[in-house]
């Protein structure tokens, strides 16, 4: 599998810090917008619920845009654009997450 965030295969261990509850695709879009640095409306448009892992999937349609799964508990798994959602789902299910502190959030 290709690299996802800073050298780990699909995520970077456990997510640190305070978690939040994500109750809807719209709430997840707000977080995805901050982490992937694109407009909330675009994040919402390019998203879908993944009920089998209790998460929401967001992607940037532009080349090299990146993808992110956001669990209802606020945990995230980031992947580069070359990784498929089919690769991300089992990784998320196994408990791998990307540490939010790795994102450069304002």
PDB file of N, CA and C in Angstrom:
ATOM      1  N   UNK A   1       0.838  -1.190   0.000  1.00  0.00           N
ATOM      2  CA  UNK A   1       0.000   0.000   0.000  1.00  0.00           C
ATOM      3  C   UNK A   1       0.876   1.244   0.000  1.00  0.00           C
ATOM      4  N   UNK A   2       0.366   2.286  -0.576  1.00  0.00           N
ATOM      5  CA  UNK A   2       1.104   3.547  -0.643  1.00  0.00           C
ATOM      6  C   UNK A   2       1.064   4.266   0.694  1.00  0.00           C
ATOM      7  N   UNK A   3       1.928   5.229   0.814  1.00  0.00           N
ATOM      8  CA  UNK A   3       2.022   6.012   2.043  1.00  0.00           C
ATOM      9  C   UNK A   3       0.806   6.916   2.213  1.00  0.00           C
ATOM     10  N   UNK A   4       0.401   7.126   3.446  1.00  0.00           N
ATOM     11  CA  UNK A   4      -0.756   7.965   3.695  1.00  0.00           C
ATOM     12  C   UNK A   4      -0.365   9.278   4.329  1.00  0.00           C
ATOM     13  N   UNK A   5       0.064   9.298   5.545  1.00  0.00           N
ATOM     14  CA  UNK A   5       0.470  10.546   6.179  1.00  0.00           C
ATOM     15  C   UNK A   5       1.844  10.357   6.785  1.00  0.00           C
ATOM     16  N   UNK A   6       2.797  11.116   6.306  1.00  0.00           N
ATOM     17  CA  UNK A   6       4.149  11.176   6.846  1.00  0.00           C
ATOM     18  C   UNK A   6       4.733   9.821   7.214  1.00  0.00           C
ATOM     19  N   UNK A   7       4.775   8.931   6.224  1.00  0.00           N
ATOM     20  CA  UNK A   7       5.559   7.725   6.355  1.00  0.00           C
ATOM     21  C   UNK A   7       4.889   6.495   6.924  1.00  0.00           C
ATOM     22  N   UNK A   8       3.673   6.528   7.335  1.00  0.00           N
ATOM     23  CA  UNK A   8       3.013   5.337   7.837  1.00  0.00           C
ATOM     24  C   UNK A   8       2.160   4.759   6.725  1.00  0.00           C
ATOM     25  N   UNK A   9       1.828   3.483   6.792  1.00  0.00           N
ATOM     26  CA  UNK A   9       1.152   2.866   5.664  1.00  0.00           C
ATOM     27  C   UNK A   9      -0.283   3.336   5.468  1.00  0.00           C
ATOM     28  N   UNK A  10      -1.066   3.419   6.490  1.00  0.00           N
ATOM     29  CA  UNK A  10      -2.416   3.982   6.366  1.00  0.00           C
ATOM     30  C   UNK A  10      -2.790   4.672   7.665  1.00  0.00           C
ATOM     31  N   UNK A  11      -2.177   5.783   7.948  1.00  0.00           N
ATOM     32  CA  UNK A  11      -2.455   6.522   9.167  1.00  0.00           C
ATOM     33  C   UNK A  11      -1.217   6.623  10.028  1.00  0.00           C
ATOM     34  N   UNK A  12      -1.337   7.258  11.134  1.00  0.00           N
ATOM     35  CA  UNK A  12      -0.187   7.456  12.024  1.00  0.00           C
ATOM     36  C   UNK A  12      -0.554   7.137  13.455  1.00  0.00           C
ATOM     37  N   UNK A  13      -0.896   5.911  13.718  1.00  0.00           N
ATOM     38  CA  UNK A  13      -1.158   5.521  15.090  1.00  0.00           C
ATOM     39  C   UNK A  13      -2.455   6.089  15.617  1.00  0.00           C
ATOM     40  N   UNK A  14      -2.492   6.298  16.907  1.00  0.00           N
ATOM     41  CA  UNK A  14      -3.702   6.806  17.551  1.00  0.00           C
ATOM     42  C   UNK A  14      -3.771   8.318  17.469  1.00  0.00           C
ATOM     43  N   UNK A  15      -4.948   8.804  17.388  1.00  0.00           N
ATOM     44  CA  UNK A  15      -5.170  10.242  17.365  1.00  0.00           C
ATOM     45  C   UNK A  15      -5.082  10.790  18.772  1.00  0.00           C
ATOM     46  N   UNK A  16      -4.364  11.865  18.952  1.00  0.00           N
ATOM     47  CA  UNK A  16      -4.229  12.488  20.270  1.00  0.00           C
ATOM     48  C   UNK A  16      -5.188  13.659  20.406  1.00  0.00           C
ATOM     49  N   UNK A  17      -5.361  14.096  21.627  1.00  0.00           N
ATOM     50  CA  UNK A  17      -6.151  15.296  21.857  1.00  0.00           C
ATOM     51  C   UNK A  17      -7.609  15.000  22.116  1.00  0.00           C
ATOM     52  N   UNK A  18      -8.349  16.057  22.324  1.00  0.00           N
ATOM     53  CA  UNK A  18      -9.764  15.966  22.640  1.00  0.00           C
ATOM     54  C   UNK A  18     -10.562  15.586  21.400  1.00  0.00           C
ATOM     55  N   UNK A  19     -11.435  14.637  21.559  1.00  0.00           N
ATOM     56  CA  UNK A  19     -12.290  14.218  20.450  1.00  0.00           C
ATOM     57  C   UNK A  19     -13.630  14.917  20.532  1.00  0.00           C
ATOM     58  N   UNK A  20     -14.294  15.008  19.404  1.00  0.00           N
ATOM     59  CA  UNK A  20     -15.601  15.629  19.335  1.00  0.00           C
ATOM     60  C   UNK A  20     -16.581  14.630  18.746  1.00  0.00           C
ATOM     61  N   UNK A  21     -17.838  14.844  18.940  1.00  0.00           N
ATOM     62  CA  UNK A  21     -18.849  14.008  18.313  1.00  0.00           C
ATOM     63  C   UNK A  21     -19.235  14.620  16.982  1.00  0.00           C
ATOM     64  N   UNK A  22     -19.255  13.795  15.961  1.00  0.00           N
ATOM     65  CA  UNK A  22     -19.682  14.213  14.628  1.00  0.00           C
ATOM     66  C   UNK A  22     -21.027  13.529  14.386  1.00  0.00           C
ATOM     67  N   UNK A  23     -22.087  14.308  14.381  1.00  0.00           N
ATOM     68  CA  UNK A  23     -23.434  13.753  14.310  1.00  0.00           C
ATOM     69  C   UNK A  23     -24.034  13.726  12.916  1.00  0.00           C
ATOM     70  N   UNK A  24     -23.373  14.362  11.960  1.00  0.00           N
ATOM     71  CA  UNK A  24     -23.932  14.398  10.606  1.00  0.00           C
ATOM     72  C   UNK A  24     -22.827  14.593   9.584  1.00  0.00           C
ATOM     73  N   UNK A  25     -23.157  14.320   8.340  1.00  0.00           N
ATOM     74  CA  UNK A  25     -22.218  14.543   7.239  1.00  0.00           C
ATOM     75  C   UNK A  25     -21.819  16.002   7.174  1.00  0.00           C
ATOM     76  N   UNK A  26     -22.745  16.901   7.475  1.00  0.00           N
ATOM     77  CA  UNK A  26     -22.479  18.347   7.461  1.00  0.00           C
ATOM     78  C   UNK A  26     -21.444  18.716   8.535  1.00  0.00           C
ATOM     79  N   UNK A  27     -21.604  18.192   9.752  1.00  0.00           N
ATOM     80  CA  UNK A  27     -20.627  18.470  10.809  1.00  0.00           C
ATOM     81  C   UNK A  27     -19.252  17.928  10.427  1.00  0.00           C
ATOM     82  N   UNK A  28     -19.216  16.751   9.841  1.00  0.00           N
ATOM     83  CA  UNK A  28     -17.957  16.184   9.385  1.00  0.00           C
ATOM     84  C   UNK A  28     -17.325  17.023   8.297  1.00  0.00           C
ATOM     85  N   UNK A  29     -18.166  17.623   7.440  1.00  0.00           N
ATOM     86  CA  UNK A  29     -17.663  18.480   6.357  1.00  0.00           C
ATOM     87  C   UNK A  29     -16.949  19.696   6.916  1.00  0.00           C
ATOM     88  N   UNK A  30     -17.410  20.199   8.053  1.00  0.00           N
ATOM     89  CA  UNK A  30     -16.740  21.344   8.676  1.00  0.00           C
ATOM     90  C   UNK A  30     -15.326  20.970   9.106  1.00  0.00           C
ATOM     91  N   UNK A  31     -15.174  19.784   9.700  1.00  0.00           N
ATOM     92  CA  UNK A  31     -13.848  19.331  10.106  1.00  0.00           C
ATOM     93  C   UNK A  31     -12.988  19.006   8.879  1.00  0.00           C
ATOM     94  N   UNK A  32     -13.548  18.308   7.917  1.00  0.00           N
ATOM     95  CA  UNK A  32     -12.809  17.971   6.688  1.00  0.00           C
ATOM     96  C   UNK A  32     -12.332  19.230   5.985  1.00  0.00           C
ATOM     97  N   UNK A  33     -13.159  20.252   5.972  1.00  0.00           N
ATOM     98  CA  UNK A  33     -12.811  21.527   5.352  1.00  0.00           C
ATOM     99  C   UNK A  33     -11.578  22.133   6.009  1.00  0.00           C
ATOM    100  N   UNK A  34     -11.534  22.107   7.327  1.00  0.00           N
ATOM    101  CA  UNK A  34     -10.372  22.652   8.050  1.00  0.00           C
ATOM    102  C   UNK A  34      -9.122  21.816   7.806  1.00  0.00           C
ATOM    103  N   UNK A  35      -9.259  20.497   7.847  1.00  0.00           N
ATOM    104  CA  UNK A  35      -8.094  19.627   7.729  1.00  0.00           C
ATOM    105  C   UNK A  35      -7.545  19.560   6.308  1.00  0.00           C
ATOM    106  N   UNK A  36      -8.436  19.525   5.315  1.00  0.00           N
ATOM    107  CA  UNK A  36      -8.009  19.418   3.922  1.00  0.00           C
ATOM    108  C   UNK A  36      -7.917  20.770   3.228  1.00  0.00           C
ATOM    109  N   UNK A  37      -8.296  21.820   3.959  1.00  0.00           N
ATOM    110  CA  UNK A  37      -8.193  23.203   3.457  1.00  0.00           C
ATOM    111  C   UNK A  37      -8.949  23.431   2.147  1.00  0.00           C
ATOM    112  N   UNK A  38     -10.246  23.194   2.213  1.00  0.00           N
ATOM    113  CA  UNK A  38     -11.115  23.536   1.096  1.00  0.00           C
ATOM    114  C   UNK A  38     -12.482  23.919   1.637  1.00  0.00           C
ATOM    115  N   UNK A  39     -13.312  24.586   0.815  1.00  0.00           N
ATOM    116  CA  UNK A  39     -14.585  25.115   1.306  1.00  0.00           C
ATOM    117  C   UNK A  39     -15.527  24.033   1.860  1.00  0.00           C
ATOM    118  N   UNK A  40     -16.255  24.385   2.917  1.00  0.00           N
ATOM    119  CA  UNK A  40     -17.194  23.464   3.558  1.00  0.00           C
ATOM    120  C   UNK A  40     -18.197  22.915   2.553  1.00  0.00           C
ATOM    121  N   UNK A  41     -18.727  23.764   1.702  1.00  0.00           N
ATOM    122  CA  UNK A  41     -19.727  23.305   0.732  1.00  0.00           C
ATOM    123  C   UNK A  41     -19.146  22.264  -0.223  1.00  0.00           C
ATOM    124  N   UNK A  42     -17.898  22.443  -0.596  1.00  0.00           N
ATOM    125  CA  UNK A  42     -17.240  21.461  -1.464  1.00  0.00           C
ATOM    126  C   UNK A  42     -17.002  20.159  -0.705  1.00  0.00           C
ATOM    127  N   UNK A  43     -16.603  20.275   0.560  1.00  0.00           N
ATOM    128  CA  UNK A  43     -16.409  19.080   1.390  1.00  0.00           C
ATOM    129  C   UNK A  43     -17.714  18.303   1.507  1.00  0.00           C
ATOM    130  N   UNK A  44     -18.813  19.001   1.711  1.00  0.00           N
ATOM    131  CA  UNK A  44     -20.106  18.333   1.835  1.00  0.00           C
ATOM    132  C   UNK A  44     -20.515  17.692   0.512  1.00  0.00           C
ATOM    133  N   UNK A  45     -20.300  18.410  -0.598  1.00  0.00           N
ATOM    134  CA  UNK A  45     -20.675  17.887  -1.916  1.00  0.00           C
ATOM    135  C   UNK A  45     -19.923  16.597  -2.238  1.00  0.00           C
ATOM    136  N   UNK A  46     -18.639  16.556  -1.912  1.00  0.00           N
ATOM    137  CA  UNK A  46     -17.815  15.389  -2.209  1.00  0.00           C
ATOM    138  C   UNK A  46     -17.636  14.548  -0.943  1.00  0.00           C
ATOM    139  N   UNK A  47     -18.744  13.992  -0.490  1.00  0.00           N
ATOM    140  CA  UNK A  47     -18.722  13.175   0.720  1.00  0.00           C
ATOM    141  C   UNK A  47     -19.837  12.149   0.668  1.00  0.00           C
ATOM    142  N   UNK A  48     -19.687  11.147   1.516  1.00  0.00           N
ATOM    143  CA  UNK A  48     -20.763  10.172   1.676  1.00  0.00           C
ATOM    144  C   UNK A  48     -20.599   9.477   3.019  1.00  0.00           C
ATOM    145  N   UNK A  49     -21.696   8.943   3.511  1.00  0.00           N
ATOM    146  CA  UNK A  49     -21.671   8.198   4.759  1.00  0.00           C
ATOM    147  C   UNK A  49     -21.196   6.776   4.472  1.00  0.00           C
ATOM    148  N   UNK A  50     -20.407   6.229   5.391  1.00  0.00           N
ATOM    149  CA  UNK A  50     -19.944   4.844   5.312  1.00  0.00           C
ATOM    150  C   UNK A  50     -20.476   4.146   6.569  1.00  0.00           C
ATOM    151  N   UNK A  51     -21.738   3.686   6.525  1.00  0.00           N
ATOM    152  CA  UNK A  51     -22.373   3.170   7.743  1.00  0.00           C
ATOM    153  C   UNK A  51     -21.693   1.936   8.339  1.00  0.00           C
ATOM    154  N   UNK A  52     -21.044   1.123   7.520  1.00  0.00           N
ATOM    155  CA  UNK A  52     -20.442  -0.104   8.053  1.00  0.00           C
ATOM    156  C   UNK A  52     -19.277   0.156   9.011  1.00  0.00           C
ATOM    157  N   UNK A  53     -18.724   1.374   8.985  1.00  0.00           N
ATOM    158  CA  UNK A  53     -17.667   1.726   9.942  1.00  0.00           C
ATOM    159  C   UNK A  53     -18.045   2.955  10.771  1.00  0.00           C
ATOM    160  N   UNK A  54     -19.305   3.369  10.666  1.00  0.00           N
ATOM    161  CA  UNK A  54     -19.827   4.500  11.436  1.00  0.00           C
ATOM    162  C   UNK A  54     -18.980   5.753  11.212  1.00  0.00           C
ATOM    163  N   UNK A  55     -18.770   6.076   9.928  1.00  0.00           N
ATOM    164  CA  UNK A  55     -17.897   7.195   9.567  1.00  0.00           C
ATOM    165  C   UNK A  55     -18.421   7.891   8.312  1.00  0.00           C
ATOM    166  N   UNK A  56     -17.798   9.008   8.012  1.00  0.00           N
ATOM    167  CA  UNK A  56     -18.091   9.777   6.801  1.00  0.00           C
ATOM    168  C   UNK A  56     -16.806   9.887   5.989  1.00  0.00           C
ATOM    169  N   UNK A  57     -16.939   9.831   4.671  1.00  0.00           N
ATOM    170  CA  UNK A  57     -15.807   9.882   3.755  1.00  0.00           C
ATOM    171  C   UNK A  57     -15.856  11.195   2.984  1.00  0.00           C
ATOM    172  N   UNK A  58     -14.726  11.904   2.941  1.00  0.00           N
ATOM    173  CA  UNK A  58     -14.602  13.189   2.238  1.00  0.00           C
ATOM    174  C   UNK A  58     -13.399  13.114   1.321  1.00  0.00           C
ATOM    175  N   UNK A  59     -13.527  13.700   0.141  1.00  0.00           N
ATOM    176  CA  UNK A  59     -12.407  13.709  -0.795  1.00  0.00           C
ATOM    177  C   UNK A  59     -12.370  15.007  -1.560  1.00  0.00           C
ATOM    178  N   UNK A  60     -11.164  15.363  -1.984  1.00  0.00           N
ATOM    179  CA  UNK A  60     -10.979  16.532  -2.850  1.00  0.00           C
ATOM    180  C   UNK A  60     -10.890  16.007  -4.270  1.00  0.00           C
ATOM    181  N   UNK A  61     -11.755  16.489  -5.160  1.00  0.00           N
ATOM    182  CA  UNK A  61     -11.777  15.962  -6.524  1.00  0.00           C
ATOM    183  C   UNK A  61     -10.558  16.352  -7.364  1.00  0.00           C
ATOM    184  N   UNK A  62      -9.812  17.347  -6.943  1.00  0.00           N
ATOM    185  CA  UNK A  62      -8.637  17.790  -7.704  1.00  0.00           C
ATOM    186  C   UNK A  62      -7.519  16.759  -7.590  1.00  0.00           C
ATOM    187  N   UNK A  63      -6.700  16.690  -8.595  1.00  0.00           N
ATOM    188  CA  UNK A  63      -5.563  15.769  -8.588  1.00  0.00           C
ATOM    189  C   UNK A  63      -4.688  16.038  -7.358  1.00  0.00           C
ATOM    190  N   UNK A  64      -4.348  14.971  -6.649  1.00  0.00           N
ATOM    191  CA  UNK A  64      -3.515  15.104  -5.466  1.00  0.00           C
ATOM    192  C   UNK A  64      -4.229  15.668  -4.257  1.00  0.00           C
ATOM    193  N   UNK A  65      -5.560  15.645  -4.287  1.00  0.00           N
ATOM    194  CA  UNK A  65      -6.345  16.328  -3.268  1.00  0.00           C
ATOM    195  C   UNK A  65      -6.425  15.680  -1.907  1.00  0.00           C
ATOM    196  N   UNK A  66      -6.248  14.400  -1.800  1.00  0.00           N
ATOM    197  CA  UNK A  66      -6.341  13.736  -0.509  1.00  0.00           C
ATOM    198  C   UNK A  66      -7.754  13.314  -0.155  1.00  0.00           C
ATOM    199  N   UNK A  67      -7.837  12.391   0.798  1.00  0.00           N
ATOM    200  CA  UNK A  67      -9.113  11.825   1.258  1.00  0.00           C
ATOM    201  C   UNK A  67      -9.046  11.698   2.765  1.00  0.00           C
ATOM    202  N   UNK A  68     -10.217  11.700   3.377  1.00  0.00           N
ATOM    203  CA  UNK A  68     -10.243  11.561   4.831  1.00  0.00           C
ATOM    204  C   UNK A  68     -11.518  10.843   5.259  1.00  0.00           C
ATOM    205  N   UNK A  69     -11.367   9.916   6.171  1.00  0.00           N
ATOM    206  CA  UNK A  69     -12.501   9.300   6.854  1.00  0.00           C
ATOM    207  C   UNK A  69     -12.604   9.953   8.215  1.00  0.00           C
ATOM    208  N   UNK A  70     -13.812  10.343   8.591  1.00  0.00           N
ATOM    209  CA  UNK A  70     -14.043  10.955   9.898  1.00  0.00           C
ATOM    210  C   UNK A  70     -15.095  10.126  10.618  1.00  0.00           C
ATOM    211  N   UNK A  71     -14.690   9.552  11.744  1.00  0.00           N
ATOM    212  CA  UNK A  71     -15.611   8.760  12.547  1.00  0.00           C
ATOM    213  C   UNK A  71     -16.558   9.649  13.328  1.00  0.00           C
ATOM    214  N   UNK A  72     -17.646   9.077  13.760  1.00  0.00           N
ATOM    215  CA  UNK A  72     -18.604   9.845  14.561  1.00  0.00           C
ATOM    216  C   UNK A  72     -18.000  10.288  15.891  1.00  0.00           C
ATOM    217  N   UNK A  73     -16.895   9.652  16.287  1.00  0.00           N
ATOM    218  CA  UNK A  73     -16.205  10.060  17.516  1.00  0.00           C
ATOM    219  C   UNK A  73     -15.185  11.164  17.261  1.00  0.00           C
ATOM    220  N   UNK A  74     -15.088  11.643  16.010  1.00  0.00           N
ATOM    221  CA  UNK A  74     -14.171  12.715  15.661  1.00  0.00           C
ATOM    222  C   UNK A  74     -12.787  12.241  15.253  1.00  0.00           C
ATOM    223  N   UNK A  75     -12.528  10.937  15.309  1.00  0.00           N
ATOM    224  CA  UNK A  75     -11.233  10.426  14.875  1.00  0.00           C
ATOM    225  C   UNK A  75     -11.157  10.466  13.348  1.00  0.00           C
ATOM    226  N   UNK A  76      -9.933  10.565  12.821  1.00  0.00           N
ATOM    227  CA  UNK A  76      -9.763  10.707  11.374  1.00  0.00           C
ATOM    228  C   UNK A  76      -8.703   9.752  10.847  1.00  0.00           C
ATOM    229  N   UNK A  77      -8.857   9.410   9.571  1.00  0.00           N
ATOM    230  CA  UNK A  77      -7.844   8.665   8.830  1.00  0.00           C
ATOM    231  C   UNK A  77      -7.659   9.376   7.502  1.00  0.00           C
ATOM    232  N   UNK A  78      -6.472   9.925   7.284  1.00  0.00           N
ATOM    233  CA  UNK A  78      -6.138  10.636   6.050  1.00  0.00           C
ATOM    234  C   UNK A  78      -5.444   9.683   5.092  1.00  0.00           C
ATOM    235  N   UNK A  79      -5.697   9.862   3.802  1.00  0.00           N
ATOM    236  CA  UNK A  79      -4.990   9.101   2.767  1.00  0.00           C
ATOM    237  C   UNK A  79      -4.697  10.001   1.581  1.00  0.00           C
ATOM    238  N   UNK A  80      -3.578   9.716   0.922  1.00  0.00           N
ATOM    239  CA  UNK A  80      -3.273  10.432  -0.312  1.00  0.00           C
ATOM    240  C   UNK A  80      -4.275  10.011  -1.381  1.00  0.00           C
ATOM    241  N   UNK A  81      -4.350  10.777  -2.445  1.00  0.00           N
ATOM    242  CA  UNK A  81      -5.374  10.538  -3.456  1.00  0.00           C
ATOM    243  C   UNK A  81      -5.251   9.180  -4.141  1.00  0.00           C
ATOM    244  N   UNK A  82      -4.068   8.577  -4.154  1.00  0.00           N
ATOM    245  CA  UNK A  82      -3.875   7.286  -4.821  1.00  0.00           C
ATOM    246  C   UNK A  82      -4.481   6.113  -4.049  1.00  0.00           C
ATOM    247  N   UNK A  83      -4.769   6.295  -2.769  1.00  0.00           N
ATOM    248  CA  UNK A  83      -5.348   5.232  -1.944  1.00  0.00           C
ATOM    249  C   UNK A  83      -6.857   5.210  -2.170  1.00  0.00           C
ATOM    250  N   UNK A  84      -7.420   4.013  -2.312  1.00  0.00           N
ATOM    251  CA  UNK A  84      -8.863   3.904  -2.546  1.00  0.00           C
ATOM    252  C   UNK A  84      -9.621   3.802  -1.220  1.00  0.00           C
ATOM    253  N   UNK A  85     -10.887   4.114  -1.274  1.00  0.00           N
ATOM    254  CA  UNK A  85     -11.742   3.958  -0.101  1.00  0.00           C
ATOM    255  C   UNK A  85     -11.785   2.491   0.313  1.00  0.00           C
ATOM    256  N   UNK A  86     -11.693   1.588  -0.657  1.00  0.00           N
ATOM    257  CA  UNK A  86     -11.683   0.159  -0.339  1.00  0.00           C
ATOM    258  C   UNK A  86     -10.460  -0.236   0.482  1.00  0.00           C
ATOM    259  N   UNK A  87      -9.348   0.486   0.332  1.00  0.00           N
ATOM    260  CA  UNK A  87      -8.163   0.265   1.173  1.00  0.00           C
ATOM    261  C   UNK A  87      -8.323   0.933   2.535  1.00  0.00           C
ATOM    262  N   UNK A  88      -9.020   2.056   2.560  1.00  0.00           N
ATOM    263  CA  UNK A  88      -9.152   2.816   3.797  1.00  0.00           C
ATOM    264  C   UNK A  88     -10.108   2.173   4.796  1.00  0.00           C
ATOM    265  N   UNK A  89     -11.185   1.584   4.314  1.00  0.00           N
ATOM    266  CA  UNK A  89     -12.217   1.045   5.213  1.00  0.00           C
ATOM    267  C   UNK A  89     -11.661  -0.017   6.161  1.00  0.00           C
ATOM    268  N   UNK A  90     -10.964  -1.058   5.675  1.00  0.00           N
ATOM    269  CA  UNK A  90     -10.458  -2.042   6.635  1.00  0.00           C
ATOM    270  C   UNK A  90      -9.410  -1.467   7.594  1.00  0.00           C
ATOM    271  N   UNK A  91      -8.665  -0.499   7.119  1.00  0.00           N
ATOM    272  CA  UNK A  91      -7.665   0.140   7.977  1.00  0.00           C
ATOM    273  C   UNK A  91      -8.345   0.920   9.091  1.00  0.00           C
ATOM    274  N   UNK A  92      -9.393   1.670   8.748  1.00  0.00           N
ATOM    275  CA  UNK A  92     -10.166   2.417   9.741  1.00  0.00           C
ATOM    276  C   UNK A  92     -10.813   1.442  10.724  1.00  0.00           C
ATOM    277  N   UNK A  93     -11.393   0.380  10.173  1.00  0.00           N
ATOM    278  CA  UNK A  93     -12.069  -0.620  11.011  1.00  0.00           C
ATOM    279  C   UNK A  93     -11.092  -1.244  12.014  1.00  0.00           C
ATOM    280  N   UNK A  94      -9.836  -1.408  11.621  1.00  0.00           N
ATOM    281  CA  UNK A  94      -8.835  -2.023  12.506  1.00  0.00           C
ATOM    282  C   UNK A  94      -8.356  -1.070  13.610  1.00  0.00           C
ATOM    283  N   UNK A  95      -8.767   0.200  13.547  1.00  0.00           N
ATOM    284  CA  UNK A  95      -8.427   1.151  14.597  1.00  0.00           C
ATOM    285  C   UNK A  95      -7.312   2.122  14.262  1.00  0.00           C
ATOM    286  N   UNK A  96      -6.739   2.033  13.082  1.00  0.00           N
ATOM    287  CA  UNK A  96      -5.680   2.977  12.695  1.00  0.00           C
ATOM    288  C   UNK A  96      -6.293   4.346  12.469  1.00  0.00           C
ATOM    289  N   UNK A  97      -5.599   5.385  12.943  1.00  0.00           N
ATOM    290  CA  UNK A  97      -6.043   6.766  12.786  1.00  0.00           C
ATOM    291  C   UNK A  97      -4.850   7.659  12.503  1.00  0.00           C
ATOM    292  N   UNK A  98      -5.139   8.819  11.953  1.00  0.00           N
ATOM    293  CA  UNK A  98      -4.129   9.843  11.724  1.00  0.00           C
ATOM    294  C   UNK A  98      -4.229  10.847  12.863  1.00  0.00           C
ATOM    295  N   UNK A  99      -3.107  11.181  13.451  1.00  0.00           N
ATOM    296  CA  UNK A  99      -3.074  12.138  14.546  1.00  0.00           C
ATOM    297  C   UNK A  99      -3.388  13.534  13.980  1.00  0.00           C
ATOM    298  N   UNK A 100      -4.419  14.167  14.494  1.00  0.00           N
ATOM    299  CA  UNK A 100      -4.843  15.478  13.987  1.00  0.00           C
ATOM    300  C   UNK A 100      -3.730  16.513  14.118  1.00  0.00           C
ATOM    301  N   UNK A 101      -2.839  16.337  15.078  1.00  0.00           N
ATOM    302  CA  UNK A 101      -1.757  17.317  15.234  1.00  0.00           C
ATOM    303  C   UNK A 101      -0.815  17.338  14.031  1.00  0.00           C
ATOM    304  N   UNK A 102      -0.891  16.342  13.160  1.00  0.00           N
ATOM    305  CA  UNK A 102      -0.060  16.322  11.950  1.00  0.00           C
ATOM    306  C   UNK A 102      -0.587  17.276  10.873  1.00  0.00           C
ATOM    307  N   UNK A 103      -1.822  17.711  11.006  1.00  0.00           N
ATOM    308  CA  UNK A 103      -2.404  18.663  10.071  1.00  0.00           C
ATOM    309  C   UNK A 103      -2.003  20.073  10.491  1.00  0.00           C
ATOM    310  N   UNK A 104      -1.733  20.907   9.532  1.00  0.00           N
ATOM    311  CA  UNK A 104      -1.411  22.301   9.818  1.00  0.00           C
ATOM    312  C   UNK A 104      -2.705  23.101   9.786  1.00  0.00           C
ATOM    313  N   UNK A 105      -3.388  23.125  10.919  1.00  0.00           N
ATOM    314  CA  UNK A 105      -4.685  23.784  11.024  1.00  0.00           C
ATOM    315  C   UNK A 105      -4.486  25.135  11.697  1.00  0.00           C
ATOM    316  N   UNK A 106      -5.113  26.158  11.106  1.00  0.00           N
ATOM    317  CA  UNK A 106      -5.026  27.510  11.678  1.00  0.00           C
ATOM    318  C   UNK A 106      -5.782  27.593  12.988  1.00  0.00           C
TER     319      UNK A 106
END
